[in-house]
Amino acid sequence: AIQGVLLAQEQAGLTKKVKVRIADTRADASQALMRTQQAVNQDSVIAVIGPIMSAPAATVAAWLGSNFQNIPMLTPTATDDGIAKMGPNIFQVNITMDNLAQSIADFATKCLNIREFAIMSPLGDYGSSMTTSFTRAVERRGGNIVAFRNYEEGRPDYKTEFDLLRDVRFKQENRRRNIARGASDLDAVSPKERKFYMSDSTFNIPGIFIPATNPGDAGAMVSQVAFNKISGVMLGASGWYGRELLISGKRLVDSSFFSVPALDMNSNNDGYSKFAKAFQERWGAEPGEDKVSGLSYDAANIVFTTLAKKPESLTNAINNTETFKGIYGDIKFKRGANTNTKIVTVQKGKFETLEGCKIPSVEAAKQKDAEAKKDSKK
């Protein structure tokens, strides 16, 4: 993080005009607040870049947002929802978990027209937060969570969890059949019928959201869904993005969809390539894949480029700027939170970024149909 900020300062030519004061928070909220208070009371602080972790960032944001709204705080990496809401001067450069969950829920309901969802959530804070945000987003859009199960990541088999999921779905489908039959007891079912459905039938749940924390586990879970005879559109978030998804999930992850921050690290991304080269030359090492140095570089650049315009209020100037050019992609703040997310799908073993509701396989099928009709007329 420090290397990213110092590189941005040097490139902006501000090593003499702007002093960078570095404070170690030890990833502790009380330490972060104490260090920030010391800096603000002792120096003419114009901006705060950090803290890096969500808990210290939230604590510092609450204090700055209430007492020093003229000092913008840009946390490069914190992802907890609500930090940016603590004041008009608080900004989150990284995409929050809430925005990621809202993005995939919005795509699934609007573009795929899915209204019923199951959630398989990994145990832990990340899974819990993503599940809460996704559930809230789906329900606001008129959808329903029809089944939910927790699971512990890293295990080889989840038959118990999927059996419970299948049981919930069976009861729902059985009630629908009884309603269609006009049965007086909507939960009535013969043991034979239940045994047949539970052992041999594939249960369909239109949308299955699995907020896995890493690509390997995401691919493994997609395989487990198919093995346990459950079908539906597979949905995820940024934890899915990586080659391990394609390796562990194989062809089963085709036509899955997940939301990611609009952070492009491809070789054809000129902004990132220039940053990576400059970082290597300055520090003798490549920037980390965790994006901490890159996001910190972006946060510092937002401060330095805005300062160059000599605004009356640095906070207002950042708020009034529609888009900042980041090394991974555009940064768009809405109420202090970066909202620039993308939907990624897997098609024939390759990642593809979607624009709006244009899904490659669907668009190709439409084009094929159009060509067939054209040929038939000829």
Protein backbone atom coordinates (compact mmCIF):
# COMPACT_ATOMS: atom_id res chain seq x y z
CA ALA A 1 0.00 0.00 0.00
CA ILE A 2 2.80 2.41 0.93
CA GLN A 3 4.72 1.61 -2.26
CA GLY A 4 1.62 2.30 -4.37
CA VAL A 5 1.03 5.69 -2.70
CA LEU A 6 4.68 6.79 -2.92
CA LEU A 7 4.86 5.82 -6.59
CA ALA A 8 1.77 7.93 -7.33
CA GLN A 9 3.29 10.86 -5.42
CA GLU A 10 6.56 10.65 -7.36
CA GLN A 11 4.79 10.41 -10.72
CA ALA A 12 2.65 13.44 -9.82
CA GLY A 13 5.81 15.43 -9.05
CA LEU A 14 4.63 16.22 -5.54
CA THR A 15 7.47 14.84 -3.40
CA LYS A 16 8.39 18.37 -2.26
CA LYS A 17 4.95 19.99 -2.15
CA VAL A 18 3.08 17.20 -0.35
CA LYS A 19 4.39 15.26 2.61
CA VAL A 20 3.21 11.68 3.04
CA ARG A 21 2.91 10.81 6.71
CA ILE A 22 2.89 7.03 7.25
CA ALA A 23 1.23 5.47 10.30
CA ASP A 24 1.09 1.78 11.22
CA THR A 25 -2.40 0.91 12.50
CA ARG A 26 -1.44 -2.73 13.22
CA ALA A 27 -4.83 -3.58 11.69
CA ASP A 28 -6.36 -2.46 14.98
CA ALA A 29 -9.32 -0.06 15.10
CA SER A 30 -8.25 1.78 18.27
CA GLN A 31 -4.68 2.19 16.99
CA ALA A 32 -5.99 3.48 13.66
CA LEU A 33 -8.17 6.09 15.36
CA MET A 34 -5.39 7.22 17.72
CA ARG A 35 -2.87 7.58 14.87
CA THR A 36 -5.35 9.51 12.73
CA GLN A 37 -6.26 11.86 15.59
CA GLN A 38 -2.55 12.51 16.24
CA ALA A 39 -1.93 13.31 12.59
CA VAL A 40 -4.93 15.63 12.25
CA ASN A 41 -4.07 17.47 15.49
CA GLN A 42 -0.36 17.82 14.71
CA ASP A 43 -0.21 18.42 10.93
CA SER A 44 -2.14 20.18 8.19
CA VAL A 45 -3.70 16.96 6.91
CA ILE A 46 -5.43 17.38 3.56
CA ALA A 47 -6.46 13.74 2.97
CA VAL A 48 -6.26 10.27 4.48
CA ILE A 49 -5.48 7.23 2.34
CA GLY A 50 -6.51 4.14 4.28
CA PRO A 51 -6.99 2.40 6.59
CA ILE A 52 -6.57 -0.83 4.67
CA MET A 53 -8.77 -3.18 6.74
CA SER A 54 -12.53 -2.73 7.09
CA ALA A 55 -12.79 -2.49 10.90
CA PRO A 56 -10.13 0.23 11.33
CA ALA A 57 -11.50 2.00 8.24
CA ALA A 58 -15.00 2.09 9.71
CA THR A 59 -13.73 3.49 13.03
CA VAL A 60 -11.66 6.25 11.42
CA ALA A 61 -14.48 7.03 8.95
CA ALA A 62 -16.96 7.53 11.80
CA TRP A 63 -14.67 10.07 13.47
CA LEU A 64 -13.60 11.94 10.32
CA GLY A 65 -17.12 11.88 8.88
CA SER A 66 -18.50 13.53 12.01
CA ASN A 67 -15.72 15.99 12.80
CA PHE A 68 -13.60 16.80 9.73
CA GLN A 69 -15.69 16.62 6.57
CA ASN A 70 -13.16 18.86 4.80
CA ILE A 71 -10.63 15.98 4.96
CA PRO A 72 -11.46 13.22 2.47
CA MET A 73 -10.65 9.65 3.49
CA LEU A 74 -10.15 7.09 0.74
CA THR A 75 -9.82 3.49 1.89
CA PRO A 76 -8.28 1.56 -1.01
CA THR A 77 -9.27 -1.98 -0.02
CA ALA A 78 -11.99 -2.10 2.68
CA THR A 79 -15.05 -4.01 1.40
CA ASP A 80 -17.50 -3.88 4.32
CA ASP A 81 -20.74 -2.19 3.36
CA GLY A 82 -21.63 1.16 4.91
CA ILE A 83 -18.19 2.67 5.51
CA ALA A 84 -18.70 5.29 2.79
CA LYS A 85 -22.05 6.22 4.34
CA MET A 86 -20.34 7.61 7.46
CA GLY A 87 -19.78 10.99 5.89
CA PRO A 88 -19.68 12.92 2.61
CA ASN A 89 -15.88 12.83 2.82
CA ILE A 90 -15.55 9.03 3.05
CA PHE A 91 -14.77 7.01 -0.09
CA GLN A 92 -14.29 3.30 -0.77
CA VAL A 93 -12.15 2.63 -3.86
CA ASN A 94 -12.66 -1.12 -3.72
CA ILE A 95 -16.08 -2.57 -4.52
CA THR A 96 -18.10 -3.47 -1.42
CA MET A 97 -19.60 -6.92 -0.92
CA ASP A 98 -23.04 -5.33 -0.93
CA ASN A 99 -22.52 -3.86 -4.40
CA LEU A 100 -21.24 -7.19 -5.72
CA ALA A 101 -24.30 -9.01 -4.35
CA GLN A 102 -26.68 -6.37 -5.71
CA SER A 103 -25.02 -6.54 -9.12
CA ILE A 104 -25.49 -10.30 -9.60
CA ALA A 105 -29.03 -10.17 -8.14
CA ASP A 106 -29.92 -7.38 -10.55
CA PHE A 107 -28.54 -9.32 -13.52
CA ALA A 108 -30.29 -12.56 -12.55
CA THR A 109 -33.69 -10.96 -12.07
CA LYS A 110 -33.61 -8.50 -14.98
CA CYS A 111 -31.58 -10.30 -17.64
CA LEU A 112 -32.29 -13.96 -16.81
CA ASN A 113 -35.80 -13.35 -15.45
CA ILE A 114 -35.14 -15.59 -12.43
CA ARG A 115 -37.48 -15.22 -9.46
CA GLU A 116 -36.64 -18.25 -7.30
CA PHE A 117 -33.21 -18.74 -5.78
CA ALA A 118 -31.39 -21.16 -3.52
CA ILE A 119 -28.31 -20.09 -1.58
CA MET A 120 -25.41 -22.33 -0.59
CA SER A 121 -23.39 -20.09 1.70
CA PRO A 122 -19.89 -20.82 3.07
CA LEU A 123 -19.55 -20.45 6.82
CA GLY A 124 -17.85 -17.22 7.88
CA ASP A 125 -18.25 -13.46 7.73
CA TYR A 126 -17.88 -13.23 3.94
CA GLY A 127 -20.57 -15.82 3.22
CA SER A 128 -22.88 -14.30 5.81
CA SER A 129 -22.50 -10.76 4.46
CA MET A 130 -22.92 -11.80 0.82
CA THR A 131 -25.98 -13.90 1.68
CA THR A 132 -27.63 -11.04 3.57
CA SER A 133 -26.97 -8.55 0.76
CA PHE A 134 -28.05 -10.94 -1.99
CA THR A 135 -31.26 -11.88 -0.16
CA ARG A 136 -32.16 -8.24 0.41
CA ALA A 137 -31.43 -7.37 -3.24
CA VAL A 138 -33.47 -10.30 -4.61
CA GLU A 139 -36.49 -9.54 -2.42
CA ARG A 140 -36.41 -5.86 -3.40
CA ARG A 141 -36.59 -6.98 -7.03
CA GLY A 142 -39.61 -9.23 -6.48
CA GLY A 143 -37.74 -12.53 -6.13
CA ASN A 144 -37.69 -15.15 -3.37
CA ILE A 145 -35.09 -17.24 -1.61
CA VAL A 146 -36.75 -20.66 -1.63
CA ALA A 147 -33.95 -22.67 -0.01
CA PHE A 148 -30.81 -21.97 2.03
CA ARG A 149 -27.95 -24.04 3.41
CA ASN A 150 -24.57 -23.28 5.00
CA TYR A 151 -21.50 -25.34 4.18
CA GLU A 152 -17.87 -25.50 5.29
CA GLU A 153 -15.45 -24.77 2.47
CA GLY A 154 -12.72 -27.26 1.61
CA ARG A 155 -14.56 -30.51 2.29
CA PRO A 156 -14.66 -33.18 -0.44
CA ASP A 157 -18.34 -34.06 -0.12
CA TYR A 158 -21.53 -32.12 0.64
CA LYS A 159 -24.14 -34.83 0.18
CA THR A 160 -25.79 -34.06 3.54
CA GLU A 161 -26.17 -30.36 2.71
CA PHE A 162 -27.55 -31.07 -0.77
CA ASP A 163 -29.93 -33.75 0.53
CA LEU A 164 -31.40 -31.14 2.87
CA LEU A 165 -31.65 -28.70 -0.03
CA ARG A 166 -33.38 -31.33 -2.17
CA ASP A 167 -35.78 -32.10 0.68
CA VAL A 168 -36.82 -28.44 0.93
CA ARG A 169 -37.34 -28.28 -2.82
CA PHE A 170 -39.30 -31.54 -2.87
CA LYS A 171 -41.77 -30.20 -0.29
CA GLN A 172 -42.29 -27.05 -2.37
CA GLU A 173 -42.81 -28.98 -5.61
CA ASN A 174 -45.10 -31.48 -3.87
CA ARG A 175 -47.33 -28.66 -2.61
CA ARG A 176 -47.54 -27.27 -6.13
CA ARG A 177 -48.56 -30.66 -7.52
CA ASN A 178 -51.22 -31.05 -4.81
CA ILE A 179 -52.59 -27.58 -5.57
CA ALA A 180 -52.81 -28.51 -9.25
CA ARG A 181 -54.61 -31.75 -8.33
CA GLY A 182 -57.03 -29.93 -6.05
CA ALA A 183 -55.95 -32.04 -3.07
CA SER A 184 -57.38 -31.10 0.31
CA ASP A 185 -54.08 -31.86 2.09
CA LEU A 186 -51.42 -29.83 0.31
CA ASP A 187 -48.57 -31.66 2.09
CA ALA A 188 -49.88 -35.17 1.35
CA VAL A 189 -47.37 -37.52 -0.32
CA SER A 190 -47.01 -41.27 -0.52
CA PRO A 191 -43.75 -42.79 0.81
CA LYS A 192 -43.21 -44.46 -2.56
CA GLU A 193 -43.56 -41.20 -4.47
CA ARG A 194 -41.22 -39.41 -2.09
CA LYS A 195 -38.59 -42.16 -2.34
CA PHE A 196 -38.73 -42.06 -6.15
CA TYR A 197 -38.34 -38.31 -6.36
CA MET A 198 -35.59 -38.11 -3.74
CA SER A 199 -33.51 -40.89 -5.28
CA ASP A 200 -33.93 -40.46 -9.04
CA SER A 201 -35.28 -37.01 -9.89
CA THR A 202 -33.23 -33.95 -10.75
CA PHE A 203 -34.59 -30.96 -8.86
CA ASN A 204 -34.61 -27.63 -10.64
CA ILE A 205 -34.04 -24.38 -8.79
CA PRO A 206 -33.92 -21.52 -11.34
CA GLY A 207 -31.04 -19.65 -9.68
CA ILE A 208 -28.40 -21.07 -7.33
CA PHE A 209 -26.18 -18.48 -5.62
CA ILE A 210 -22.90 -19.73 -4.11
CA PRO A 211 -20.72 -16.92 -2.69
CA ALA A 212 -17.57 -19.07 -2.54
CA THR A 213 -14.44 -17.30 -1.32
CA ASN A 214 -12.05 -18.72 -3.93
CA PRO A 215 -12.23 -20.07 -7.51
CA GLY A 216 -11.22 -23.64 -6.66
CA ASP A 217 -14.01 -24.06 -4.10
CA ALA A 218 -16.49 -22.40 -6.46
CA GLY A 219 -15.70 -24.92 -9.20
CA ALA A 220 -15.92 -27.81 -6.75
CA MET A 221 -19.32 -26.64 -5.52
CA VAL A 222 -20.68 -26.36 -9.07
CA SER A 223 -19.61 -29.97 -9.63
CA GLN A 224 -21.30 -31.02 -6.38
CA VAL A 225 -24.55 -29.36 -7.47
CA ALA A 226 -24.63 -31.45 -10.65
CA PHE A 227 -23.56 -34.66 -8.87
CA ASN A 228 -26.38 -34.27 -6.35
CA LYS A 229 -29.00 -33.92 -9.13
CA ILE A 230 -29.84 -30.27 -8.76
CA SER A 231 -30.09 -28.06 -11.83
CA GLY A 232 -30.28 -24.30 -12.29
CA VAL A 233 -28.29 -21.27 -13.35
CA MET A 234 -25.14 -21.04 -11.23
CA LEU A 235 -24.44 -17.59 -9.76
CA GLY A 236 -21.52 -16.25 -7.77
CA ALA A 237 -19.38 -13.23 -6.96
CA SER A 238 -15.75 -12.12 -7.13
CA GLY A 239 -14.46 -15.18 -5.26
CA TRP A 240 -15.15 -17.17 -8.45
CA TYR A 241 -12.75 -15.25 -10.68
CA GLY A 242 -9.63 -17.32 -11.39
CA ARG A 243 -8.28 -20.19 -13.50
CA GLU A 244 -8.98 -22.67 -10.70
CA LEU A 245 -12.71 -22.26 -11.41
CA LEU A 246 -12.21 -23.60 -14.93
CA ILE A 247 -9.91 -26.38 -13.74
CA SER A 248 -12.04 -27.71 -10.88
CA GLY A 249 -15.43 -26.98 -12.46
CA LYS A 250 -14.55 -28.05 -16.03
CA ARG A 251 -17.47 -27.85 -18.49
CA LEU A 252 -19.99 -27.66 -15.63
CA VAL A 253 -19.15 -23.98 -15.02
CA ASP A 254 -20.11 -23.04 -18.58
CA SER A 255 -23.04 -20.58 -18.63
CA SER A 256 -22.48 -19.62 -15.01
CA PHE A 257 -22.48 -15.93 -14.07
CA PHE A 258 -20.76 -13.94 -11.34
CA SER A 259 -20.15 -10.31 -10.40
CA VAL A 260 -16.68 -8.83 -10.09
CA PRO A 261 -15.22 -5.38 -9.48
CA ALA A 262 -14.42 -3.74 -12.82
CA LEU A 263 -10.74 -4.43 -12.22
CA ASP A 264 -9.05 -5.43 -15.44
CA MET A 265 -5.52 -6.84 -15.08
CA ASN A 266 -5.29 -8.24 -18.62
CA SER A 267 -2.16 -7.64 -20.66
CA ASN A 268 -4.13 -5.47 -23.09
CA ASN A 269 -5.03 -3.05 -20.29
CA ASP A 270 -2.62 -0.20 -21.03
CA GLY A 271 -3.19 1.55 -17.69
CA TYR A 272 -2.31 -1.51 -15.63
CA SER A 273 0.64 -2.44 -17.86
CA LYS A 274 2.21 1.01 -17.38
CA PHE A 275 1.65 0.85 -13.63
CA ALA A 276 3.12 -2.67 -13.34
CA LYS A 277 6.21 -1.63 -15.32
CA ALA A 278 6.73 1.52 -13.24
CA PHE A 279 6.18 -0.42 -10.00
CA GLN A 280 8.74 -3.05 -11.05
CA GLU A 281 11.31 -0.40 -11.94
CA ARG A 282 10.77 1.55 -8.72
CA TRP A 283 10.53 -1.27 -6.18
CA GLY A 284 12.21 -4.24 -7.88
CA ALA A 285 9.13 -6.45 -7.59
CA GLU A 286 5.84 -6.92 -9.39
CA PRO A 287 2.66 -5.48 -7.81
CA GLY A 288 0.80 -8.12 -5.80
CA GLU A 289 -2.17 -9.99 -7.21
CA ASP A 290 -4.17 -8.92 -4.12
CA LYS A 291 -4.35 -5.46 -5.80
CA VAL A 292 -3.46 -3.63 -2.56
CA SER A 293 -0.62 -1.66 -4.18
CA GLY A 294 -2.70 -0.89 -7.27
CA LEU A 295 -5.79 0.24 -5.38
CA SER A 296 -3.64 2.37 -3.05
CA TYR A 297 -1.98 3.90 -6.11
CA ASP A 298 -5.42 4.73 -7.50
CA ALA A 299 -6.58 6.24 -4.20
CA ALA A 300 -3.50 8.46 -4.06
CA ASN A 301 -3.94 9.49 -7.70
CA ILE A 302 -7.52 10.57 -7.01
CA VAL A 303 -6.21 12.91 -4.31
CA PHE A 304 -3.27 14.22 -6.37
CA THR A 305 -5.17 14.76 -9.64
CA THR A 306 -7.97 16.52 -7.78
CA LEU A 307 -5.49 18.70 -5.89
CA ALA A 308 -3.96 19.79 -9.21
CA LYS A 309 -7.28 21.46 -10.06
CA LYS A 310 -6.90 23.66 -6.95
CA PRO A 311 -10.47 23.19 -5.73
CA GLU A 312 -11.95 25.15 -2.85
CA SER A 313 -13.03 21.87 -1.28
CA LEU A 314 -11.20 18.62 -1.98
CA THR A 315 -14.16 16.61 -0.63
CA ASN A 316 -16.67 18.37 -2.91
CA ALA A 317 -14.40 18.07 -5.92
CA ILE A 318 -14.09 14.30 -5.51
CA ASN A 319 -17.84 13.96 -5.03
CA ASN A 320 -18.55 16.06 -8.12
CA THR A 321 -16.24 14.07 -10.41
CA GLU A 322 -18.27 11.49 -12.34
CA THR A 323 -15.42 9.12 -13.23
CA PHE A 324 -11.81 8.64 -12.21
CA LYS A 325 -9.47 6.66 -14.47
CA GLY A 326 -7.98 3.82 -12.44
CA ILE A 327 -5.31 1.38 -13.51
CA TYR A 328 -7.83 -1.49 -13.38
CA GLY A 329 -10.73 0.42 -14.87
CA ASP A 330 -12.97 3.40 -14.18
CA ILE A 331 -13.81 4.34 -10.60
CA LYS A 332 -17.32 5.71 -10.18
CA PHE A 333 -18.34 6.93 -6.74
CA LYS A 334 -21.99 6.96 -5.71
CA ARG A 335 -22.41 8.27 -2.18
CA GLY A 336 -18.74 7.52 -1.65
CA ALA A 337 -18.84 3.87 -2.77
CA ASN A 338 -17.30 2.68 -6.03
CA THR A 339 -20.18 1.11 -7.96
CA ASN A 340 -18.34 0.01 -11.11
CA THR A 341 -19.02 -3.74 -11.23
CA LYS A 342 -19.07 -6.18 -14.14
CA ILE A 343 -20.81 -9.48 -14.83
CA VAL A 344 -18.58 -12.29 -16.06
CA THR A 345 -19.74 -15.55 -17.63
CA VAL A 346 -17.97 -18.72 -18.71
CA GLN A 347 -18.48 -19.76 -22.33
CA LYS A 348 -16.68 -22.82 -23.74
CA GLY A 349 -14.12 -22.76 -20.94
CA LYS A 350 -13.30 -19.05 -21.27
CA PHE A 351 -14.22 -15.97 -19.25
CA GLU A 352 -16.26 -13.33 -21.04
CA THR A 353 -17.33 -9.94 -19.67
CA LEU A 354 -20.92 -9.05 -20.44
CA GLU A 355 -22.31 -5.71 -21.54
CA GLY A 356 -25.82 -5.20 -20.21
CA CYS A 357 -27.99 -8.24 -20.83
CA LYS A 358 -26.14 -9.45 -23.92
CA ILE A 359 -25.22 -13.08 -23.22
CA PRO A 360 -22.88 -14.54 -25.88
CA SER A 361 -24.60 -17.93 -26.29
CA VAL A 362 -28.05 -16.31 -26.52
CA GLU A 363 -26.87 -13.68 -29.00
CA ALA A 364 -25.17 -16.36 -31.12
CA ALA A 365 -28.38 -18.43 -31.14
CA LYS A 366 -30.41 -15.38 -32.24
CA GLN A 367 -27.95 -14.67 -35.02
CA LYS A 368 -28.05 -18.29 -36.14
CA ASP A 369 -31.86 -18.23 -36.22
CA ALA A 370 -31.84 -14.99 -38.23
CA GLU A 371 -29.41 -16.45 -40.74
CA ALA A 372 -31.51 -19.61 -41.06
CA LYS A 373 -34.65 -17.55 -41.76
CA LYS A 374 -32.74 -15.49 -44.33
CA ASP A 375 -31.54 -18.63 -46.09
CA SER A 376 -35.05 -20.16 -46.10
CA LYS A 377 -36.43 -17.05 -47.82
CA LYS A 378 -33.74 -17.34 -50.49
